[in-house]
N, C-alpha and C. Protein backbone atom coordinates (compact mmCIF):
# COMPACT_ATOMS: atom_id res chain seq x y z
N MET A 1 -17.52 3.79 -7.39
CA MET A 1 -17.84 2.41 -7.77
C MET A 1 -19.27 2.11 -7.35
N THR A 2 -20.05 1.52 -8.25
CA THR A 2 -21.43 1.20 -7.92
C THR A 2 -21.49 0.01 -6.98
N ARG A 3 -22.65 -0.14 -6.32
CA ARG A 3 -22.82 -1.27 -5.40
C ARG A 3 -22.66 -2.59 -6.14
N LEU A 4 -23.16 -2.66 -7.40
CA LEU A 4 -23.03 -3.88 -8.19
C LEU A 4 -21.57 -4.22 -8.43
N ASN A 5 -20.76 -3.20 -8.78
CA ASN A 5 -19.34 -3.45 -9.00
C ASN A 5 -18.64 -3.87 -7.72
N VAL A 6 -19.01 -3.26 -6.60
CA VAL A 6 -18.42 -3.65 -5.32
C VAL A 6 -18.73 -5.10 -5.00
N LEU A 7 -19.99 -5.51 -5.26
CA LEU A 7 -20.37 -6.90 -5.01
C LEU A 7 -19.60 -7.85 -5.92
N ALA A 8 -19.40 -7.46 -7.17
CA ALA A 8 -18.63 -8.30 -8.10
C ALA A 8 -17.19 -8.43 -7.63
N CYS A 9 -16.59 -7.32 -7.17
CA CYS A 9 -15.23 -7.36 -6.65
C CYS A 9 -15.16 -8.24 -5.42
N ALA A 10 -16.16 -8.12 -4.56
CA ALA A 10 -16.17 -8.90 -3.33
C ALA A 10 -16.22 -10.39 -3.64
N ALA A 11 -17.01 -10.76 -4.65
CA ALA A 11 -17.09 -12.18 -5.03
C ALA A 11 -15.74 -12.67 -5.52
N ALA A 12 -15.06 -11.86 -6.32
CA ALA A 12 -13.74 -12.24 -6.81
C ALA A 12 -12.75 -12.35 -5.67
N LEU A 13 -12.84 -11.43 -4.72
CA LEU A 13 -11.92 -11.46 -3.58
C LEU A 13 -12.15 -12.70 -2.74
N ALA A 14 -13.39 -13.04 -2.52
CA ALA A 14 -13.70 -14.19 -1.67
C ALA A 14 -13.20 -15.49 -2.29
N ALA A 15 -13.10 -15.51 -3.63
CA ALA A 15 -12.65 -16.72 -4.32
C ALA A 15 -11.14 -16.80 -4.41
N THR A 16 -10.45 -15.76 -3.98
CA THR A 16 -9.00 -15.70 -4.10
C THR A 16 -8.33 -16.18 -2.82
N ALA A 17 -7.36 -17.04 -2.94
CA ALA A 17 -6.59 -17.49 -1.77
C ALA A 17 -5.13 -17.51 -2.14
N ALA A 18 -4.29 -17.00 -1.24
CA ALA A 18 -2.85 -17.00 -1.49
C ALA A 18 -2.12 -17.35 -0.20
N ALA A 19 -1.12 -18.21 -0.31
CA ALA A 19 -0.37 -18.61 0.88
C ALA A 19 0.50 -17.47 1.38
N HIS A 20 0.98 -16.64 0.46
CA HIS A 20 1.83 -15.52 0.83
C HIS A 20 1.44 -14.32 0.00
N ALA A 21 1.23 -13.19 0.66
CA ALA A 21 0.85 -11.98 -0.05
C ALA A 21 2.11 -11.25 -0.46
N GLY A 22 2.42 -11.22 -1.73
CA GLY A 22 3.66 -10.60 -2.14
C GLY A 22 3.52 -9.76 -3.39
N ILE A 23 4.49 -8.86 -3.58
CA ILE A 23 4.62 -8.17 -4.86
C ILE A 23 5.12 -9.19 -5.87
N THR A 24 4.40 -9.32 -6.98
CA THR A 24 4.81 -10.30 -8.00
C THR A 24 5.55 -9.65 -9.16
N SER A 25 5.30 -8.36 -9.41
CA SER A 25 6.03 -7.69 -10.48
C SER A 25 5.94 -6.18 -10.34
N ILE A 26 6.95 -5.49 -10.85
CA ILE A 26 6.97 -4.04 -10.96
C ILE A 26 7.44 -3.72 -12.37
N SER A 27 6.61 -3.06 -13.16
CA SER A 27 6.92 -2.81 -14.56
C SER A 27 7.94 -1.67 -14.72
N ASN A 28 8.31 -1.39 -15.96
CA ASN A 28 9.23 -0.30 -16.32
C ASN A 28 10.59 -0.41 -15.63
N GLY A 29 11.06 -1.64 -15.48
CA GLY A 29 12.38 -1.84 -14.88
C GLY A 29 12.42 -1.66 -13.39
N GLY A 30 11.23 -1.66 -12.75
CA GLY A 30 11.17 -1.49 -11.30
C GLY A 30 11.89 -2.60 -10.57
N ILE A 31 12.27 -2.32 -9.32
CA ILE A 31 13.07 -3.26 -8.53
C ILE A 31 12.25 -3.80 -7.38
N PHE A 32 12.08 -5.13 -7.34
CA PHE A 32 11.47 -5.79 -6.19
C PHE A 32 12.59 -6.34 -5.32
N HIS A 33 12.61 -5.94 -4.06
CA HIS A 33 13.63 -6.40 -3.12
C HIS A 33 13.06 -7.55 -2.29
N ALA A 34 13.39 -8.77 -2.69
CA ALA A 34 12.95 -9.92 -1.89
C ALA A 34 13.57 -9.87 -0.50
N SER A 35 14.82 -9.44 -0.42
CA SER A 35 15.51 -9.21 0.85
C SER A 35 15.98 -7.76 0.85
N PRO A 36 15.13 -6.83 1.29
CA PRO A 36 15.49 -5.41 1.18
C PRO A 36 16.66 -5.02 2.06
N PRO A 37 17.51 -4.10 1.61
CA PRO A 37 18.58 -3.60 2.46
C PRO A 37 18.00 -2.87 3.66
N SER A 38 18.71 -2.86 4.76
CA SER A 38 18.18 -2.29 6.00
C SER A 38 17.89 -0.81 5.88
N THR A 39 18.57 -0.10 4.99
CA THR A 39 18.41 1.34 4.89
C THR A 39 17.31 1.78 3.93
N ILE A 40 16.65 0.84 3.27
CA ILE A 40 15.70 1.23 2.24
C ILE A 40 14.48 1.95 2.81
N GLY A 41 14.17 1.75 4.07
CA GLY A 41 13.04 2.44 4.66
C GLY A 41 13.29 3.90 4.93
N LEU A 42 14.54 4.31 4.90
CA LEU A 42 14.91 5.69 5.17
C LEU A 42 14.95 6.51 3.89
N PRO A 43 14.75 7.84 3.97
CA PRO A 43 14.86 8.66 2.76
C PRO A 43 16.30 8.71 2.25
N ASN A 44 16.43 8.81 0.93
CA ASN A 44 17.73 9.05 0.28
C ASN A 44 18.75 7.94 0.52
N ASN A 45 18.27 6.72 0.66
CA ASN A 45 19.13 5.55 0.70
C ASN A 45 18.63 4.56 -0.35
N ASN A 46 19.54 3.85 -1.00
CA ASN A 46 19.16 2.92 -2.06
C ASN A 46 18.32 3.62 -3.11
N GLN A 47 18.81 4.79 -3.54
CA GLN A 47 18.06 5.60 -4.49
C GLN A 47 18.12 5.00 -5.89
N ALA A 48 17.07 5.22 -6.67
CA ALA A 48 17.00 4.72 -8.04
C ALA A 48 16.01 5.56 -8.82
N ASN A 49 16.18 5.59 -10.13
CA ASN A 49 15.25 6.32 -10.99
C ASN A 49 14.08 5.45 -11.44
N VAL A 50 13.89 4.31 -10.78
CA VAL A 50 12.75 3.44 -11.05
C VAL A 50 12.02 3.18 -9.74
N VAL A 51 10.79 2.72 -9.87
CA VAL A 51 9.98 2.39 -8.69
C VAL A 51 10.54 1.14 -8.03
N GLN A 52 10.58 1.14 -6.71
CA GLN A 52 11.06 -0.01 -5.95
C GLN A 52 9.96 -0.48 -4.99
N GLY A 53 10.07 -1.71 -4.53
CA GLY A 53 9.08 -2.22 -3.58
C GLY A 53 9.60 -3.42 -2.82
N PHE A 54 9.01 -3.65 -1.66
CA PHE A 54 9.32 -4.84 -0.88
C PHE A 54 8.13 -5.17 0.01
N ASP A 55 8.05 -6.44 0.39
CA ASP A 55 6.98 -6.91 1.26
C ASP A 55 7.31 -6.59 2.71
N GLU A 56 6.27 -6.23 3.47
CA GLU A 56 6.46 -5.95 4.89
C GLU A 56 5.79 -7.05 5.70
N VAL A 57 5.04 -6.70 6.74
CA VAL A 57 4.43 -7.71 7.60
C VAL A 57 3.39 -8.50 6.79
N GLN A 58 3.31 -9.81 7.08
CA GLN A 58 2.42 -10.69 6.34
C GLN A 58 1.42 -11.36 7.27
N ASP A 59 0.19 -11.51 6.78
CA ASP A 59 -0.85 -12.26 7.47
C ASP A 59 -1.04 -11.77 8.91
N LEU A 60 -1.10 -10.47 9.08
CA LEU A 60 -1.30 -9.87 10.39
C LEU A 60 -2.78 -9.76 10.69
N VAL A 61 -3.18 -10.25 11.85
CA VAL A 61 -4.55 -10.07 12.32
C VAL A 61 -4.56 -8.83 13.21
N LEU A 62 -5.26 -7.81 12.80
CA LEU A 62 -5.24 -6.54 13.52
C LEU A 62 -5.78 -6.69 14.94
N ALA A 63 -5.01 -6.21 15.90
CA ALA A 63 -5.46 -6.21 17.29
C ALA A 63 -6.28 -4.96 17.61
N SER A 64 -6.16 -3.94 16.77
CA SER A 64 -6.92 -2.70 16.94
C SER A 64 -7.25 -2.14 15.57
N PRO A 65 -8.19 -1.22 15.47
CA PRO A 65 -8.59 -0.68 14.17
C PRO A 65 -7.44 0.02 13.44
N LEU A 66 -7.51 0.01 12.11
CA LEU A 66 -6.49 0.63 11.27
C LEU A 66 -7.16 1.46 10.18
N SER A 67 -6.73 2.72 10.04
CA SER A 67 -7.28 3.60 9.01
C SER A 67 -6.44 3.54 7.75
N LEU A 68 -7.10 3.55 6.58
CA LEU A 68 -6.42 3.59 5.30
C LEU A 68 -7.38 4.12 4.26
N PHE A 69 -6.85 4.46 3.08
CA PHE A 69 -7.70 4.86 1.97
C PHE A 69 -8.12 3.62 1.21
N SER A 70 -9.43 3.38 1.11
CA SER A 70 -9.94 2.19 0.43
C SER A 70 -10.38 2.53 -0.99
N TYR A 71 -9.94 1.71 -1.95
CA TYR A 71 -10.36 1.91 -3.33
C TYR A 71 -11.81 1.49 -3.54
N TYR A 72 -12.36 0.68 -2.65
CA TYR A 72 -13.70 0.15 -2.85
C TYR A 72 -14.78 1.08 -2.34
N THR A 73 -14.42 1.99 -1.46
CA THR A 73 -15.37 3.00 -1.00
C THR A 73 -14.98 4.39 -1.48
N ASN A 74 -13.76 4.51 -2.07
CA ASN A 74 -13.21 5.79 -2.51
C ASN A 74 -13.19 6.79 -1.36
N SER A 75 -12.80 6.31 -0.19
CA SER A 75 -12.75 7.16 1.00
C SER A 75 -11.80 6.52 2.01
N PHE A 76 -11.47 7.28 3.03
CA PHE A 76 -10.74 6.72 4.14
C PHE A 76 -11.69 5.87 4.97
N VAL A 77 -11.23 4.68 5.35
CA VAL A 77 -12.06 3.76 6.13
C VAL A 77 -11.26 3.26 7.32
N VAL A 78 -11.95 2.68 8.26
CA VAL A 78 -11.31 2.08 9.42
C VAL A 78 -11.54 0.58 9.37
N LEU A 79 -10.45 -0.19 9.23
CA LEU A 79 -10.56 -1.65 9.28
C LEU A 79 -10.74 -2.07 10.73
N PRO A 80 -11.69 -2.92 11.02
CA PRO A 80 -11.91 -3.32 12.42
C PRO A 80 -10.86 -4.30 12.90
N ALA A 81 -10.68 -4.35 14.21
CA ALA A 81 -9.82 -5.37 14.81
C ALA A 81 -10.30 -6.74 14.36
N GLY A 82 -9.35 -7.65 14.14
CA GLY A 82 -9.68 -8.99 13.68
C GLY A 82 -9.54 -9.16 12.18
N THR A 83 -9.38 -8.06 11.43
CA THR A 83 -9.17 -8.15 9.99
C THR A 83 -7.75 -8.64 9.70
N GLU A 84 -7.61 -9.60 8.80
CA GLU A 84 -6.29 -10.11 8.42
C GLU A 84 -5.78 -9.35 7.20
N ILE A 85 -4.56 -8.83 7.31
CA ILE A 85 -3.99 -8.03 6.22
C ILE A 85 -2.52 -8.38 6.03
N SER A 86 -1.96 -7.93 4.90
CA SER A 86 -0.52 -7.93 4.67
C SER A 86 -0.15 -6.55 4.15
N SER A 87 1.10 -6.14 4.40
CA SER A 87 1.56 -4.81 4.02
C SER A 87 2.76 -4.89 3.08
N HIS A 88 2.86 -3.90 2.19
CA HIS A 88 3.93 -3.83 1.21
C HIS A 88 4.30 -2.37 1.03
N MET A 89 5.59 -2.08 0.94
CA MET A 89 6.07 -0.72 0.74
C MET A 89 6.45 -0.52 -0.72
N VAL A 90 5.94 0.57 -1.32
CA VAL A 90 6.32 0.96 -2.67
C VAL A 90 6.94 2.35 -2.57
N LEU A 91 8.08 2.57 -3.27
CA LEU A 91 8.75 3.85 -3.15
C LEU A 91 9.38 4.28 -4.47
N PHE A 92 9.49 5.60 -4.60
CA PHE A 92 10.21 6.21 -5.72
C PHE A 92 11.10 7.28 -5.11
N ASP A 93 12.42 7.04 -5.13
CA ASP A 93 13.36 7.92 -4.43
C ASP A 93 14.59 8.15 -5.32
N PRO A 94 14.45 9.03 -6.33
CA PRO A 94 15.59 9.31 -7.21
C PRO A 94 16.61 10.22 -6.53
N ALA A 95 17.84 10.16 -6.99
CA ALA A 95 18.89 11.01 -6.41
C ALA A 95 18.67 12.48 -6.76
N GLN A 96 18.10 12.75 -7.91
CA GLN A 96 17.75 14.11 -8.32
C GLN A 96 16.30 14.12 -8.77
N THR A 97 15.71 15.29 -8.88
CA THR A 97 14.31 15.38 -9.27
C THR A 97 14.06 14.62 -10.57
N ALA A 98 13.09 13.72 -10.53
CA ALA A 98 12.76 12.89 -11.69
C ALA A 98 11.33 12.41 -11.58
N SER A 99 10.81 11.91 -12.69
CA SER A 99 9.47 11.33 -12.73
C SER A 99 9.58 9.85 -13.02
N GLY A 100 8.69 9.08 -12.45
CA GLY A 100 8.68 7.64 -12.69
C GLY A 100 7.28 7.10 -12.60
N GLN A 101 7.07 5.96 -13.22
CA GLN A 101 5.78 5.29 -13.13
C GLN A 101 5.98 3.80 -13.31
N ALA A 102 5.04 3.04 -12.74
CA ALA A 102 5.10 1.58 -12.86
C ALA A 102 3.77 0.98 -12.47
N ASP A 103 3.49 -0.18 -13.02
CA ASP A 103 2.38 -1.00 -12.55
C ASP A 103 2.95 -2.00 -11.55
N VAL A 104 2.41 -1.98 -10.34
CA VAL A 104 2.87 -2.87 -9.27
C VAL A 104 1.78 -3.90 -9.03
N THR A 105 2.11 -5.17 -9.21
CA THR A 105 1.12 -6.25 -9.12
C THR A 105 1.39 -7.12 -7.90
N PHE A 106 0.32 -7.55 -7.25
CA PHE A 106 0.39 -8.31 -6.00
C PHE A 106 -0.31 -9.66 -6.17
N SER A 107 0.05 -10.59 -5.30
CA SER A 107 -0.55 -11.93 -5.37
C SER A 107 -1.88 -12.02 -4.65
N GLU A 108 -2.21 -11.00 -3.87
CA GLU A 108 -3.50 -10.94 -3.18
C GLU A 108 -4.23 -9.68 -3.61
N PRO A 109 -5.56 -9.65 -3.45
CA PRO A 109 -6.32 -8.44 -3.78
C PRO A 109 -5.88 -7.24 -2.93
N ILE A 110 -5.90 -6.08 -3.56
CA ILE A 110 -5.53 -4.84 -2.89
C ILE A 110 -6.75 -4.25 -2.22
N LEU A 111 -6.60 -3.92 -0.95
CA LEU A 111 -7.69 -3.27 -0.23
C LEU A 111 -7.56 -1.76 -0.28
N GLY A 112 -6.36 -1.25 -0.04
CA GLY A 112 -6.18 0.20 -0.04
C GLY A 112 -4.74 0.56 0.23
N ILE A 113 -4.51 1.85 0.52
CA ILE A 113 -3.15 2.34 0.72
C ILE A 113 -3.08 3.28 1.91
N ILE A 114 -1.88 3.40 2.46
CA ILE A 114 -1.55 4.40 3.47
C ILE A 114 -0.47 5.27 2.83
N PHE A 115 -0.76 6.56 2.63
CA PHE A 115 0.12 7.36 1.78
C PHE A 115 0.49 8.72 2.37
N GLU A 116 -0.05 9.09 3.50
CA GLU A 116 0.26 10.40 4.09
C GLU A 116 1.41 10.26 5.09
N ASP A 117 2.15 11.37 5.27
CA ASP A 117 3.36 11.33 6.10
C ASP A 117 3.14 10.75 7.49
N LEU A 118 2.24 11.34 8.27
CA LEU A 118 2.07 10.91 9.65
C LEU A 118 1.49 9.50 9.76
N PRO A 119 0.46 9.13 8.99
CA PRO A 119 0.00 7.74 9.04
C PRO A 119 1.08 6.73 8.67
N LEU A 120 1.95 7.08 7.71
CA LEU A 120 3.06 6.19 7.39
C LEU A 120 3.96 6.02 8.61
N PHE A 121 4.35 7.13 9.21
CA PHE A 121 5.21 7.07 10.39
C PHE A 121 4.55 6.28 11.51
N ASN A 122 3.27 6.52 11.74
CA ASN A 122 2.57 5.86 12.85
C ASN A 122 2.39 4.37 12.64
N THR A 123 2.53 3.88 11.41
CA THR A 123 2.34 2.44 11.16
C THR A 123 3.65 1.71 10.88
N HIS A 124 4.80 2.39 10.96
CA HIS A 124 6.07 1.69 10.77
C HIS A 124 6.23 0.55 11.77
N GLY A 125 5.90 0.81 13.03
CA GLY A 125 6.06 -0.21 14.06
C GLY A 125 5.15 -1.41 13.87
N LEU A 126 3.92 -1.15 13.43
CA LEU A 126 2.94 -2.22 13.26
C LEU A 126 3.15 -2.99 11.96
N LEU A 127 3.39 -2.27 10.87
CA LEU A 127 3.38 -2.88 9.54
C LEU A 127 4.75 -3.01 8.90
N GLY A 128 5.79 -2.39 9.49
CA GLY A 128 7.11 -2.42 8.91
C GLY A 128 7.75 -3.79 8.94
N ARG A 129 8.72 -3.99 8.06
CA ARG A 129 9.43 -5.27 7.97
C ARG A 129 10.58 -5.30 8.97
N PRO A 130 10.66 -6.34 9.78
CA PRO A 130 11.79 -6.47 10.72
C PRO A 130 13.11 -6.42 9.97
N GLY A 131 14.09 -5.68 10.51
CA GLY A 131 15.40 -5.57 9.90
C GLY A 131 15.56 -4.36 9.00
N VAL A 132 14.43 -3.72 8.64
CA VAL A 132 14.48 -2.50 7.83
C VAL A 132 14.43 -1.30 8.77
N SER A 133 15.32 -0.33 8.57
CA SER A 133 15.35 0.88 9.40
C SER A 133 14.37 1.91 8.84
N TYR A 134 13.37 2.24 9.62
CA TYR A 134 12.41 3.27 9.24
C TYR A 134 12.73 4.54 10.02
N PRO A 135 12.31 5.71 9.52
CA PRO A 135 12.59 6.96 10.24
C PRO A 135 12.06 6.93 11.67
N GLY A 136 12.86 7.46 12.59
CA GLY A 136 12.45 7.50 13.99
C GLY A 136 11.57 8.68 14.33
N THR A 137 11.44 9.61 13.38
CA THR A 137 10.54 10.75 13.54
C THR A 137 9.76 10.92 12.24
N ASN A 138 8.67 11.67 12.31
CA ASN A 138 7.88 11.92 11.11
C ASN A 138 8.70 12.74 10.11
N VAL A 139 8.68 12.34 8.84
CA VAL A 139 9.44 13.02 7.79
C VAL A 139 8.48 13.77 6.89
N ASN A 140 8.68 15.08 6.74
CA ASN A 140 7.83 15.88 5.88
C ASN A 140 8.04 15.50 4.41
N ALA A 141 6.93 15.36 3.67
CA ALA A 141 6.94 15.01 2.25
C ALA A 141 7.50 13.62 1.97
N TYR A 142 7.43 12.74 2.96
CA TYR A 142 7.88 11.35 2.83
C TYR A 142 6.84 10.53 2.07
N GLY A 143 5.57 10.91 2.20
CA GLY A 143 4.49 10.23 1.50
C GLY A 143 4.12 10.96 0.22
N PHE A 144 2.81 11.02 -0.08
CA PHE A 144 2.34 11.62 -1.31
C PHE A 144 2.19 13.13 -1.18
N GLU A 145 2.48 13.82 -2.29
CA GLU A 145 2.09 15.21 -2.46
C GLU A 145 1.17 15.28 -3.69
N ALA A 146 1.01 16.49 -4.24
CA ALA A 146 0.09 16.66 -5.38
C ALA A 146 0.60 15.98 -6.64
N THR A 147 1.88 15.64 -6.70
CA THR A 147 2.47 15.08 -7.92
C THR A 147 2.47 13.55 -7.94
N GLU A 148 1.83 12.90 -6.97
CA GLU A 148 1.80 11.44 -6.92
C GLU A 148 0.38 10.91 -7.06
N SER A 149 0.26 9.74 -7.62
CA SER A 149 -1.03 9.07 -7.68
C SER A 149 -0.83 7.56 -7.75
N ALA A 150 -1.79 6.83 -7.22
CA ALA A 150 -1.79 5.36 -7.29
C ALA A 150 -3.21 4.93 -7.63
N THR A 151 -3.37 4.39 -8.84
CA THR A 151 -4.69 4.06 -9.37
C THR A 151 -4.86 2.55 -9.43
N LEU A 152 -5.99 2.07 -8.96
CA LEU A 152 -6.26 0.63 -8.96
C LEU A 152 -6.64 0.17 -10.37
N ILE A 153 -5.98 -0.92 -10.81
CA ILE A 153 -6.30 -1.56 -12.09
C ILE A 153 -6.74 -2.98 -11.76
N GLY A 154 -8.01 -3.29 -11.94
CA GLY A 154 -8.51 -4.58 -11.50
C GLY A 154 -8.48 -4.66 -9.98
N ILE A 155 -8.09 -5.81 -9.43
CA ILE A 155 -8.00 -5.93 -7.97
C ILE A 155 -6.59 -6.31 -7.49
N PHE A 156 -5.67 -6.56 -8.44
CA PHE A 156 -4.33 -7.00 -8.06
C PHE A 156 -3.22 -6.01 -8.42
N THR A 157 -3.52 -4.96 -9.16
CA THR A 157 -2.48 -4.07 -9.69
C THR A 157 -2.77 -2.61 -9.39
N LEU A 158 -1.71 -1.89 -9.01
CA LEU A 158 -1.77 -0.44 -8.85
C LEU A 158 -0.87 0.21 -9.90
N HIS A 159 -1.36 1.27 -10.53
CA HIS A 159 -0.52 2.08 -11.41
C HIS A 159 -0.06 3.29 -10.60
N PHE A 160 1.25 3.40 -10.41
CA PHE A 160 1.85 4.44 -9.57
C PHE A 160 2.60 5.42 -10.46
N GLU A 161 2.34 6.72 -10.25
CA GLU A 161 3.06 7.77 -10.95
C GLU A 161 3.55 8.78 -9.92
N ALA A 162 4.79 9.28 -10.10
CA ALA A 162 5.35 10.22 -9.14
C ALA A 162 6.40 11.10 -9.79
N THR A 163 6.48 12.32 -9.29
CA THR A 163 7.62 13.20 -9.54
C THR A 163 8.20 13.52 -8.18
N ALA A 164 9.47 13.19 -7.97
CA ALA A 164 10.03 13.27 -6.62
C ALA A 164 11.47 13.73 -6.65
N SER A 165 11.90 14.22 -5.50
CA SER A 165 13.31 14.53 -5.26
C SER A 165 13.59 14.13 -3.82
N ASN A 166 14.09 15.04 -3.01
CA ASN A 166 14.35 14.78 -1.60
C ASN A 166 13.08 15.02 -0.80
N PRO A 167 12.53 14.07 -0.04
CA PRO A 167 13.10 12.78 0.34
C PRO A 167 12.52 11.58 -0.41
N GLY A 168 11.95 11.79 -1.58
CA GLY A 168 11.32 10.68 -2.28
C GLY A 168 9.90 10.47 -1.80
N ASP A 169 9.22 9.50 -2.39
CA ASP A 169 7.81 9.23 -2.08
C ASP A 169 7.61 7.76 -1.77
N ARG A 170 6.79 7.50 -0.77
CA ARG A 170 6.51 6.14 -0.34
C ARG A 170 5.03 5.97 -0.02
N PHE A 171 4.55 4.74 -0.14
CA PHE A 171 3.22 4.43 0.37
C PHE A 171 3.13 2.95 0.68
N ARG A 172 2.23 2.62 1.60
CA ARG A 172 1.97 1.23 1.97
C ARG A 172 0.75 0.74 1.21
N VAL A 173 0.88 -0.44 0.65
CA VAL A 173 -0.25 -1.10 0.00
C VAL A 173 -0.72 -2.21 0.93
N ILE A 174 -2.00 -2.22 1.23
CA ILE A 174 -2.57 -3.22 2.12
C ILE A 174 -3.36 -4.22 1.29
N THR A 175 -2.97 -5.49 1.37
CA THR A 175 -3.69 -6.57 0.69
C THR A 175 -4.31 -7.47 1.74
N PHE A 176 -5.24 -8.30 1.30
CA PHE A 176 -5.92 -9.15 2.28
C PHE A 176 -6.46 -10.42 1.65
N PRO A 177 -6.35 -11.55 2.37
CA PRO A 177 -6.86 -12.82 1.87
C PRO A 177 -8.22 -13.20 2.44
N THR A 178 -8.72 -12.41 3.39
CA THR A 178 -9.84 -12.85 4.20
C THR A 178 -11.18 -12.64 3.51
N PRO A 179 -11.94 -13.70 3.23
CA PRO A 179 -13.27 -13.52 2.64
C PRO A 179 -14.16 -12.60 3.48
N GLY A 180 -13.96 -12.61 4.80
CA GLY A 180 -14.76 -11.75 5.67
C GLY A 180 -14.56 -10.28 5.37
N ALA A 181 -13.35 -9.90 4.97
CA ALA A 181 -13.09 -8.51 4.61
C ALA A 181 -13.84 -8.15 3.34
N ALA A 182 -13.90 -9.10 2.39
CA ALA A 182 -14.66 -8.85 1.16
C ALA A 182 -16.13 -8.65 1.47
N SER A 183 -16.65 -9.41 2.44
CA SER A 183 -18.04 -9.25 2.83
C SER A 183 -18.29 -7.87 3.42
N LEU A 184 -17.32 -7.39 4.22
CA LEU A 184 -17.46 -6.05 4.78
C LEU A 184 -17.55 -5.01 3.67
N LEU A 185 -16.73 -5.17 2.64
CA LEU A 185 -16.77 -4.24 1.52
C LEU A 185 -18.12 -4.28 0.82
N ALA A 186 -18.61 -5.48 0.56
CA ALA A 186 -19.86 -5.64 -0.17
C ALA A 186 -21.04 -5.05 0.60
N LEU A 187 -21.01 -5.16 1.90
CA LEU A 187 -22.12 -4.70 2.72
C LEU A 187 -21.94 -3.28 3.21
N GLY A 188 -20.83 -2.68 2.83
CA GLY A 188 -20.58 -1.32 3.31
C GLY A 188 -20.29 -1.29 4.79
N GLY A 189 -19.72 -2.39 5.32
CA GLY A 189 -19.49 -2.49 6.75
C GLY A 189 -18.27 -1.73 7.25
N LEU A 190 -17.40 -1.28 6.35
CA LEU A 190 -16.25 -0.50 6.79
C LEU A 190 -16.71 0.91 7.11
N ALA A 191 -16.17 1.46 8.18
CA ALA A 191 -16.58 2.79 8.62
C ALA A 191 -15.80 3.87 7.86
N ALA A 192 -16.47 4.61 7.01
CA ALA A 192 -15.80 5.70 6.29
C ALA A 192 -15.55 6.87 7.23
N THR A 193 -14.35 7.45 7.15
CA THR A 193 -14.02 8.57 8.01
C THR A 193 -13.98 9.90 7.27
N ARG A 194 -13.39 9.93 6.06
CA ARG A 194 -13.42 11.14 5.25
C ARG A 194 -12.93 10.80 3.85
N ARG A 195 -13.28 11.62 2.90
CA ARG A 195 -12.88 11.35 1.53
C ARG A 195 -11.51 11.92 1.23
N ARG A 196 -10.79 11.22 0.36
CA ARG A 196 -9.49 11.72 -0.09
C ARG A 196 -9.69 12.95 -0.96
N ARG A 197 -8.86 13.96 -0.74
CA ARG A 197 -8.96 15.18 -1.55
C ARG A 197 -8.35 14.95 -2.92
């Protein structure tokens, strides 16, 4: 993304305000769980051949830095302490090997995603939804492999494609209402750590 495009996105982000950061729609018959079942955070529970999603922690002000893949820098970045974010879980967990895709739209601008096994596990405690049971140990192939992708469309929608079996695929989408975060993006103030392969 060029600097001009980043500045344009930042301006749009700064003008956006939402009282609650939520998933507003999942296409292709996807399921949004306003009140997710407690087992949905675990592999091979509440399985479906469509993409599912639910909102996690909302309006969290980070007490310490958080690493994620940012669509605005096309790299892994570290969000500084004090950044306000909300988290959402998107998953595709069919009972047998299958492929699925959906456009997942949010009420707040998307900053980036957490999609690797260990980072997902390490952020369950911080970003997970109370009442949902998440794995107590790191689960291999719980996040993305080579057959998954999540592409940003505009600033509110992700196009997710996956081919999955056991244990399914999950990722966290991080949205944010804070104009200050948009300024960080525009100025390149987020610390890049490494590029996504």
